[in-house]
Amino acid sequence: MLNFLKLIFALTFVISCSFASASTLTEWNHNGSKMTIGWTDTTITILYKEPRKGMLDAGAKPDTLLMNGTITGNDISGTARIFAGKCGSFTYPVFGSFSPDNRNIQLKGYAPVIDRNTCQQIKTIPDTLDFNYLNPVNIVLPDQPKSTESNAQESTRKLLKDTGFQNIQNNQMREGK
């Protein structure tokens, strides 16, 4: 029964912890663009926060996805995008890792080269994506209360309290589970 309750708590916690959780978001520099990188133990998502002018011209806008993928230990693999103006964006596989101090990320792959007249891929070239850590980000979603606890966490706490499982949740939160 206790394992079942742990599972329920874990699922509720995962649902309540979204990409916008302040503890999983950080700001990074990538070729002069400010990026937002969010991750869990197993996934990573990289978005443009403030694209540089060249990227705006190519089609990247704030909150545009640059890369998403998986994390295994220190290794990252996933799908990155290049932006080709009126031709749109094109994806390609990338792999890489966090630096030992977790302040840099380097991803490598073979990016498509797009003919801007025909919007067709004409070849691929080696590409390296470097990200340098800037600082933590604290984000409050629009129309969300400015509290330290999300509505989902409040609902979970109330549900557990109402069903008599408040002590399990408090113990797991103290233990960092």
Protein backbone atom coordinates (compact mmCIF):
# COMPACT_ATOMS: atom_id res chain seq x y z
CA MET A 1 0.00 0.00 0.00
CA LEU A 2 2.85 2.40 0.84
CA ASN A 3 4.42 1.86 -2.61
CA PHE A 4 1.06 2.64 -4.20
CA LEU A 5 0.84 5.88 -2.21
CA LYS A 6 4.39 6.81 -3.20
CA LEU A 7 3.43 6.24 -6.83
CA ILE A 8 0.32 8.43 -6.48
CA PHE A 9 2.40 11.16 -4.84
CA ALA A 10 5.13 10.91 -7.47
CA LEU A 11 2.63 11.13 -10.34
CA THR A 12 0.89 14.11 -8.74
CA PHE A 13 4.23 15.80 -8.15
CA VAL A 14 5.32 15.25 -11.77
CA ILE A 15 2.05 16.66 -13.06
CA SER A 16 2.36 19.72 -10.81
CA CYS A 17 5.97 20.40 -11.84
CA SER A 18 5.79 21.85 -15.32
CA PHE A 19 8.48 23.25 -17.61
CA ALA A 20 7.80 26.66 -16.06
CA SER A 21 8.90 25.60 -12.61
CA ALA A 22 11.52 28.12 -11.49
CA SER A 23 13.79 25.36 -10.19
CA THR A 24 14.19 23.80 -13.68
CA LEU A 25 14.61 26.93 -15.81
CA THR A 26 17.86 28.75 -16.45
CA GLU A 27 19.05 31.41 -18.87
CA TRP A 28 21.88 30.72 -21.28
CA ASN A 29 23.71 32.52 -24.10
CA HIS A 30 23.81 30.89 -27.54
CA ASN A 31 25.58 32.88 -30.29
CA GLY A 32 24.29 36.19 -28.90
CA SER A 33 20.72 34.99 -28.32
CA LYS A 34 19.35 34.60 -24.81
CA MET A 35 17.93 31.12 -24.35
CA THR A 36 15.76 29.46 -21.73
CA ILE A 37 16.73 25.88 -20.95
CA GLY A 38 14.47 23.66 -18.89
CA TRP A 39 15.21 20.12 -17.84
CA THR A 40 14.22 17.22 -15.67
CA ASP A 41 16.29 14.16 -14.86
CA THR A 42 15.51 12.72 -18.30
CA THR A 43 14.42 15.52 -20.67
CA ILE A 44 15.72 18.87 -21.90
CA THR A 45 14.04 21.69 -23.84
CA ILE A 46 15.80 24.77 -25.23
CA LEU A 47 13.77 27.82 -26.27
CA TYR A 48 14.72 31.21 -27.64
CA LYS A 49 13.96 33.85 -25.03
CA GLU A 50 15.50 36.83 -26.82
CA PRO A 51 16.70 35.84 -30.30
CA ARG A 52 19.46 37.99 -31.82
CA LYS A 53 18.52 40.01 -34.92
CA GLY A 54 19.86 37.43 -37.39
CA MET A 55 17.74 34.71 -35.79
CA LEU A 56 14.66 36.94 -35.77
CA ASP A 57 15.21 37.53 -39.50
CA ALA A 58 15.56 33.75 -40.04
CA GLY A 59 12.24 33.06 -38.29
CA ALA A 60 13.03 32.43 -34.62
CA LYS A 61 10.82 34.33 -32.19
CA PRO A 62 10.69 34.43 -28.39
CA ASP A 63 9.56 31.02 -27.07
CA THR A 64 10.50 29.28 -30.34
CA LEU A 65 11.79 25.76 -29.78
CA LEU A 66 15.44 25.27 -30.76
CA MET A 67 16.05 21.82 -29.31
CA ASN A 68 14.35 19.10 -27.32
CA GLY A 69 15.68 15.77 -26.25
CA THR A 70 16.71 13.41 -23.50
CA ILE A 71 19.34 13.41 -20.79
CA THR A 72 21.13 10.25 -19.69
CA GLY A 73 23.62 11.04 -16.95
CA ASN A 74 25.61 13.96 -18.37
CA ASP A 75 24.84 13.08 -22.01
CA ILE A 76 22.22 14.83 -24.12
CA SER A 77 20.64 13.66 -27.38
CA GLY A 78 17.73 15.07 -29.30
CA THR A 79 16.48 17.13 -32.21
CA ALA A 80 17.66 20.65 -33.02
CA ARG A 81 16.26 23.10 -35.56
CA ILE A 82 17.72 25.49 -38.09
CA PHE A 83 15.67 28.42 -39.33
CA ALA A 84 15.62 29.31 -43.02
CA GLY A 85 13.42 32.42 -43.29
CA LYS A 86 10.44 31.91 -45.59
CA CYS A 87 11.35 28.21 -45.90
CA GLY A 88 10.59 27.60 -42.23
CA SER A 89 12.56 25.42 -39.86
CA PHE A 90 14.30 22.11 -40.45
CA THR A 91 15.27 19.50 -37.87
CA TYR A 92 18.38 17.40 -37.40
CA PRO A 93 19.69 15.04 -34.70
CA VAL A 94 22.21 16.35 -32.17
CA PHE A 95 24.17 14.86 -29.29
CA GLY A 96 26.46 16.29 -26.64
CA SER A 97 26.77 16.89 -22.93
CA PHE A 98 26.92 19.28 -20.01
CA SER A 99 30.41 20.44 -19.03
CA PRO A 100 31.77 18.97 -15.77
CA ASP A 101 30.76 22.16 -13.90
CA ASN A 102 27.30 22.22 -15.63
CA ARG A 103 27.88 25.80 -16.83
CA ASN A 104 28.22 24.93 -20.54
CA ILE A 105 26.40 22.65 -22.93
CA GLN A 106 27.80 21.59 -26.28
CA LEU A 107 25.71 19.76 -28.88
CA LYS A 108 26.92 18.50 -32.26
CA GLY A 109 25.20 17.24 -35.36
CA TYR A 110 24.94 17.63 -39.11
CA ALA A 111 22.68 20.58 -39.93
CA PRO A 112 20.82 20.75 -43.21
CA VAL A 113 21.78 23.50 -45.66
CA ILE A 114 18.66 24.87 -47.33
CA ASP A 115 18.45 26.44 -50.78
CA ARG A 116 16.52 29.65 -50.01
CA ASN A 117 14.98 29.72 -53.50
CA THR A 118 13.60 26.18 -53.58
CA CYS A 119 13.39 25.54 -49.82
CA GLN A 120 15.03 22.16 -50.46
CA GLN A 121 17.87 20.65 -48.49
CA ILE A 122 21.00 20.59 -50.64
CA LYS A 123 23.49 19.10 -48.19
CA THR A 124 24.43 18.83 -44.52
CA ILE A 125 27.33 20.41 -42.67
CA PRO A 126 28.87 19.75 -39.26
CA ASP A 127 27.27 22.01 -36.67
CA THR A 128 28.16 22.76 -33.06
CA LEU A 129 25.69 24.42 -30.68
CA ASP A 130 27.35 26.00 -27.63
CA PHE A 131 25.36 27.26 -24.66
CA ASN A 132 26.88 29.25 -21.78
CA TYR A 133 25.06 29.58 -18.45
CA LEU A 134 23.94 33.10 -17.49
CA ASN A 135 21.80 32.97 -14.34
CA PRO A 136 18.63 31.50 -12.78
CA VAL A 137 15.25 32.62 -14.06
CA ASN A 138 12.18 33.15 -11.90
CA ILE A 139 9.07 32.96 -14.05
CA VAL A 140 5.47 33.56 -13.09
CA LEU A 141 3.03 32.31 -15.70
CA PRO A 142 0.33 34.73 -16.84
CA ASP A 143 -2.90 34.48 -14.85
CA GLN A 144 -1.18 32.42 -12.15
CA PRO A 145 -1.03 33.46 -8.49
CA LYS A 146 2.32 34.86 -7.40
CA SER A 147 2.89 32.33 -4.66
CA THR A 148 5.66 29.90 -3.89
CA GLU A 149 3.29 26.97 -4.23
CA SER A 150 1.38 26.15 -7.41
CA ASN A 151 -2.33 25.44 -7.49
CA ALA A 152 -1.57 21.78 -8.32
CA GLN A 153 0.71 21.51 -5.29
CA GLU A 154 -1.94 23.14 -3.11
CA SER A 155 -4.57 20.71 -4.44
CA THR A 156 -2.24 17.78 -3.83
CA ARG A 157 -1.52 18.94 -0.28
CA LYS A 158 -5.26 19.35 0.42
CA LEU A 159 -6.08 15.92 -1.08
CA LEU A 160 -3.38 14.23 0.96
CA LYS A 161 -4.44 16.04 4.14
CA ASP A 162 -8.12 15.20 3.55
CA THR A 163 -7.26 11.53 3.02
CA GLY A 164 -4.88 11.35 6.01
CA PHE A 165 -1.67 11.06 4.02
CA GLN A 166 -0.25 14.51 4.87
CA ASN A 167 2.57 13.01 6.94
CA ILE A 168 3.78 10.88 4.01
CA GLN A 169 3.97 13.95 1.78
CA ASN A 170 5.74 16.06 4.44
CA ASN A 171 8.30 13.32 5.07
CA GLN A 172 8.99 12.90 1.35
CA MET A 173 9.33 16.65 0.85
CA ARG A 174 11.83 16.86 3.73
CA GLU A 175 13.79 13.96 2.22
CA GLY A 176 13.78 15.64 -1.21
CA LYS A 177 11.74 12.91 -2.93
